[in-house]
Amino acid sequence: MPDLVLVAVGAFADPGFPPPGVSVYEERQHPWVSALERLPIEHWA
């Protein structure tokens, strides 16, 4: 799909940016990705 452009949602600093509605790469994710959900979240000011 040469006309398709994907931009990571994390590239936007706007906290009001709408959340993603579609996720497309689960079948190719690394095994450690699911472990990220269990990590503590750090908040930087």
Protein backbone atom coordinates (compact mmCIF):
# COMPACT_ATOMS: atom_id res chain seq x y z
CA MET A 1 0.00 0.00 0.00
CA PRO A 2 2.33 2.77 -1.18
CA ASP A 3 -0.23 5.53 -0.47
CA LEU A 4 -0.71 4.53 3.19
CA VAL A 5 1.14 6.47 5.90
CA LEU A 6 1.21 5.30 9.52
CA VAL A 7 2.10 7.60 12.40
CA ALA A 8 2.58 6.34 15.96
CA VAL A 9 0.05 7.90 18.33
CA GLY A 10 2.91 8.52 20.79
CA ALA A 11 4.30 11.04 18.31
CA PHE A 12 1.61 13.53 19.39
CA ALA A 13 2.11 15.52 22.59
CA ASP A 14 -1.54 16.62 22.75
CA PRO A 15 -3.16 14.80 25.72
CA GLY A 16 -6.54 15.39 24.11
CA PHE A 17 -5.57 13.42 21.00
CA PRO A 18 -8.19 10.70 20.52
CA PRO A 19 -7.17 7.15 21.45
CA PRO A 20 -6.51 4.63 18.70
CA GLY A 21 -9.53 2.78 17.42
CA VAL A 22 -7.65 0.05 15.54
CA SER A 23 -4.54 -1.96 16.31
CA VAL A 24 -3.04 -3.85 13.39
CA TYR A 25 0.28 -5.44 14.36
CA GLU A 26 -0.54 -7.96 17.10
CA GLU A 27 0.45 -10.94 14.99
CA ARG A 28 3.96 -9.49 14.53
CA GLN A 29 4.61 -8.07 17.99
CA HIS A 30 7.57 -9.23 20.04
CA PRO A 31 6.74 -11.61 22.92
CA TRP A 32 7.87 -9.04 25.53
CA VAL A 33 5.23 -6.48 24.45
CA SER A 34 2.50 -8.06 26.59
CA ALA A 35 4.82 -7.76 29.62
CA LEU A 36 4.69 -3.96 29.31
CA GLU A 37 1.16 -3.94 30.76
CA ARG A 38 2.53 -5.26 34.06
CA LEU A 39 5.24 -2.60 34.46
CA PRO A 40 4.70 0.30 36.84
CA ILE A 41 3.95 3.59 35.13
CA GLU A 42 6.31 6.48 35.81
CA HIS A 43 4.98 10.01 35.56
CA TRP A 44 7.53 12.66 34.65
CA ALA A 45 6.78 16.32 35.21
